[in-house]
Amino acid sequence: MKLELEGRGSRGGQPTTVPQMRRRAGREVLEGWRKELDSFYEVMNHFRENEETIFYDLSAMSARVSQIRSLVVRQENKALQVFRTQEVDPFLKECDRQFKIWSRVLTISQFEWETSK
């Protein structure tokens, strides 16, 4: 079924059919999610500067990315599945890794503080 948009033809890169509109919307959503992931990695790069909020940040980021993952899993779109396996799942693993690292750092800091009394 072809849906023509009023006053717009196929010029200017505007979608003219329902599938074209869905593809464009899907690409825009995917790009938005990629930007979110990039911003989350940027936050991780600055953990050392603000150690007080690391666990809050990790919790919030992993919750958001888990939400994105659950939306992606429900779709039968190959591009979204590739996004999940190549970007979302590795990010969640990195969140787990960062949690373990910073938990150990905190434990060592607490131990040093306790032993210095």
C-alpha atoms as a PDB file:
ATOM      1  CA  MET A   1       0.000   0.000   0.000  1.00  0.00           C
ATOM      2  CA  LYS A   2       1.443   3.317  -1.026  1.00  0.00           C
ATOM      3  CA  LEU A   3       0.659   6.358   1.089  1.00  0.00           C
ATOM      4  CA  GLU A   4       1.358   9.661  -0.594  1.00  0.00           C
ATOM      5  CA  LEU A   5       2.117  12.578   1.682  1.00  0.00           C
ATOM      6  CA  GLU A   6       0.252  15.774   0.887  1.00  0.00           C
ATOM      7  CA  GLY A   7       2.309  18.308  -0.968  1.00  0.00           C
ATOM      8  CA  ARG A   8       5.397  16.120  -1.037  1.00  0.00           C
ATOM      9  CA  GLY A   9       6.727  13.958  -3.776  1.00  0.00           C
ATOM     10  CA  SER A  10       9.704  11.684  -3.697  1.00  0.00           C
ATOM     11  CA  ARG A  11      12.075  14.649  -3.988  1.00  0.00           C
ATOM     12  CA  GLY A  12      14.159  16.005  -1.160  1.00  0.00           C
ATOM     13  CA  GLY A  13      14.635  12.620   0.432  1.00  0.00           C
ATOM     14  CA  GLN A  14      11.153  12.677   1.931  1.00  0.00           C
ATOM     15  CA  PRO A  15       9.535   9.276   2.428  1.00  0.00           C
ATOM     16  CA  THR A  16       6.458   8.691   0.293  1.00  0.00           C
ATOM     17  CA  THR A  17       5.309   5.253   1.421  1.00  0.00           C
ATOM     18  CA  VAL A  18       4.483   3.751   4.790  1.00  0.00           C
ATOM     19  CA  PRO A  19       7.463   1.319   4.672  1.00  0.00           C
ATOM     20  CA  GLN A  20       9.799   4.200   3.795  1.00  0.00           C
ATOM     21  CA  MET A  21       8.492   6.205   6.737  1.00  0.00           C
ATOM     22  CA  ARG A  22       8.968   3.214   9.059  1.00  0.00           C
ATOM     23  CA  ARG A  23      12.527   2.675   7.830  1.00  0.00           C
ATOM     24  CA  ARG A  24      13.383   6.339   8.326  1.00  0.00           C
ATOM     25  CA  ALA A  25      11.800   6.382  11.781  1.00  0.00           C
ATOM     26  CA  GLY A  26      13.670   3.179  12.647  1.00  0.00           C
ATOM     27  CA  ARG A  27      16.987   4.656  11.509  1.00  0.00           C
ATOM     28  CA  GLU A  28      16.352   7.816  13.539  1.00  0.00           C
ATOM     29  CA  VAL A  29      15.526   5.797  16.661  1.00  0.00           C
ATOM     30  CA  LEU A  30      18.605   3.631  16.172  1.00  0.00           C
ATOM     31  CA  GLU A  31      20.824   6.696  15.758  1.00  0.00           C
ATOM     32  CA  GLY A  32      19.311   8.197  18.906  1.00  0.00           C
ATOM     33  CA  TRP A  33      20.105   5.029  20.842  1.00  0.00           C
ATOM     34  CA  ARG A  34      23.660   5.033  19.492  1.00  0.00           C
ATOM     35  CA  LYS A  35      24.090   8.614  20.684  1.00  0.00           C
ATOM     36  CA  GLU A  36      22.829   7.577  24.121  1.00  0.00           C
ATOM     37  CA  LEU A  37      25.343   4.737  24.267  1.00  0.00           C
ATOM     38  CA  ASP A  38      28.134   7.092  23.191  1.00  0.00           C
ATOM     39  CA  SER A  39      27.173   9.565  25.927  1.00  0.00           C
ATOM     40  CA  PHE A  40      27.149   6.736  28.481  1.00  0.00           C
ATOM     41  CA  TYR A  41      30.660   5.690  27.458  1.00  0.00           C
ATOM     42  CA  GLU A  42      31.701   9.318  27.873  1.00  0.00           C
ATOM     43  CA  VAL A  43      30.323   9.271  31.431  1.00  0.00           C
ATOM     44  CA  MET A  44      32.331   6.108  32.104  1.00  0.00           C
ATOM     45  CA  ASN A  45      35.466   7.835  30.863  1.00  0.00           C
ATOM     46  CA  HIS A  46      35.038  10.434  33.607  1.00  0.00           C
ATOM     47  CA  PHE A  47      34.251   8.117  36.523  1.00  0.00           C
ATOM     48  CA  ARG A  48      37.563   8.936  38.180  1.00  0.00           C
ATOM     49  CA  GLU A  49      36.593  12.613  38.402  1.00  0.00           C
ATOM     50  CA  ASN A  50      33.394  11.969  40.333  1.00  0.00           C
ATOM     51  CA  GLU A  51      33.696   8.746  42.304  1.00  0.00           C
ATOM     52  CA  GLU A  52      30.727   9.582  44.525  1.00  0.00           C
ATOM     53  CA  THR A  53      28.145   8.947  41.814  1.00  0.00           C
ATOM     54  CA  ILE A  54      29.667   5.967  39.997  1.00  0.00           C
ATOM     55  CA  PHE A  55      27.197   3.394  41.301  1.00  0.00           C
ATOM     56  CA  TYR A  56      24.210   5.671  40.705  1.00  0.00           C
ATOM     57  CA  ASP A  57      25.416   6.358  37.163  1.00  0.00           C
ATOM     58  CA  LEU A  58      26.036   2.672  36.448  1.00  0.00           C
ATOM     59  CA  SER A  59      22.606   1.773  37.766  1.00  0.00           C
ATOM     60  CA  ALA A  60      20.862   4.402  35.661  1.00  0.00           C
ATOM     61  CA  MET A  61      22.813   3.597  32.506  1.00  0.00           C
ATOM     62  CA  SER A  62      22.345  -0.153  32.753  1.00  0.00           C
ATOM     63  CA  ALA A  63      18.624   0.288  33.453  1.00  0.00           C
ATOM     64  CA  ARG A  64      18.189   2.488  30.378  1.00  0.00           C
ATOM     65  CA  VAL A  65      20.194   0.197  28.115  1.00  0.00           C
ATOM     66  CA  SER A  66      18.309  -2.836  29.450  1.00  0.00           C
ATOM     67  CA  GLN A  67      15.103  -1.042  28.513  1.00  0.00           C
ATOM     68  CA  ILE A  68      16.454  -0.427  25.000  1.00  0.00           C
ATOM     69  CA  ARG A  69      17.495  -4.089  24.802  1.00  0.00           C
ATOM     70  CA  SER A  70      14.013  -5.283  25.732  1.00  0.00           C
ATOM     71  CA  LEU A  71      12.518  -3.085  22.989  1.00  0.00           C
ATOM     72  CA  VAL A  72      15.016  -4.397  20.432  1.00  0.00           C
ATOM     73  CA  VAL A  73      14.466  -8.063  21.342  1.00  0.00           C
ATOM     74  CA  ARG A  74      10.754  -7.714  20.558  1.00  0.00           C
ATOM     75  CA  GLN A  75      11.447  -6.609  16.975  1.00  0.00           C
ATOM     76  CA  GLU A  76      12.113  -8.830  14.005  1.00  0.00           C
ATOM     77  CA  ASN A  77      14.506  -6.397  12.407  1.00  0.00           C
ATOM     78  CA  LYS A  78      17.966  -7.607  11.426  1.00  0.00           C
ATOM     79  CA  ALA A  79      19.584  -4.172  11.863  1.00  0.00           C
ATOM     80  CA  LEU A  80      18.210  -3.933  15.398  1.00  0.00           C
ATOM     81  CA  GLN A  81      19.414  -7.432  16.246  1.00  0.00           C
ATOM     82  CA  VAL A  82      22.897  -6.541  14.987  1.00  0.00           C
ATOM     83  CA  PHE A  83      22.752  -3.370  17.117  1.00  0.00           C
ATOM     84  CA  ARG A  84      21.819  -5.495  20.142  1.00  0.00           C
ATOM     85  CA  THR A  85      24.599  -8.037  19.692  1.00  0.00           C
ATOM     86  CA  GLN A  86      27.338  -5.601  18.657  1.00  0.00           C
ATOM     87  CA  GLU A  87      26.547  -2.578  20.815  1.00  0.00           C
ATOM     88  CA  VAL A  88      23.927  -3.135  23.520  1.00  0.00           C
ATOM     89  CA  ASP A  89      25.103  -6.459  24.944  1.00  0.00           C
ATOM     90  CA  PRO A  90      28.781  -5.390  25.078  1.00  0.00           C
ATOM     91  CA  PHE A  91      27.756  -2.174  26.816  1.00  0.00           C
ATOM     92  CA  LEU A  92      25.853  -4.102  29.488  1.00  0.00           C
ATOM     93  CA  LYS A  93      28.900  -6.338  29.981  1.00  0.00           C
ATOM     94  CA  GLU A  94      31.049  -3.233  30.378  1.00  0.00           C
ATOM     95  CA  CYS A  95      28.629  -1.877  33.000  1.00  0.00           C
ATOM     96  CA  ASP A  96      29.015  -5.136  34.921  1.00  0.00           C
ATOM     97  CA  ARG A  97      32.787  -4.966  34.577  1.00  0.00           C
ATOM     98  CA  GLN A  98      32.904  -1.346  35.763  1.00  0.00           C
ATOM     99  CA  PHE A  99      30.709  -2.217  38.735  1.00  0.00           C
ATOM    100  CA  LYS A 100      33.111  -4.977  39.764  1.00  0.00           C
ATOM    101  CA  ILE A 101      36.164  -2.755  39.331  1.00  0.00           C
ATOM    102  CA  TRP A 102      34.758   0.175  41.277  1.00  0.00           C
ATOM    103  CA  SER A 103      33.394  -2.115  43.994  1.00  0.00           C
ATOM    104  CA  ARG A 104      36.914  -3.413  44.517  1.00  0.00           C
ATOM    105  CA  VAL A 105      38.355   0.099  44.514  1.00  0.00           C
ATOM    106  CA  LEU A 106      35.830   1.120  47.159  1.00  0.00           C
ATOM    107  CA  THR A 107      36.596  -1.964  49.258  1.00  0.00           C
ATOM    108  CA  ILE A 108      40.324  -1.276  49.123  1.00  0.00           C
ATOM    109  CA  SER A 109      39.761   2.371  50.047  1.00  0.00           C
ATOM    110  CA  GLN A 110      37.612   1.354  53.001  1.00  0.00           C
ATOM    111  CA  PHE A 111      40.212  -1.166  54.112  1.00  0.00           C
ATOM    112  CA  GLU A 112      42.993   1.425  53.916  1.00  0.00           C
ATOM    113  CA  TRP A 113      40.923   3.883  55.888  1.00  0.00           C
ATOM    114  CA  GLU A 114      40.097   1.282  58.556  1.00  0.00           C
ATOM    115  CA  THR A 115      43.725   0.219  58.926  1.00  0.00           C
ATOM    116  CA  SER A 116      44.998   3.794  59.147  1.00  0.00           C
ATOM    117  CA  LYS A 117      43.014   4.517  62.329  1.00  0.00           C
END
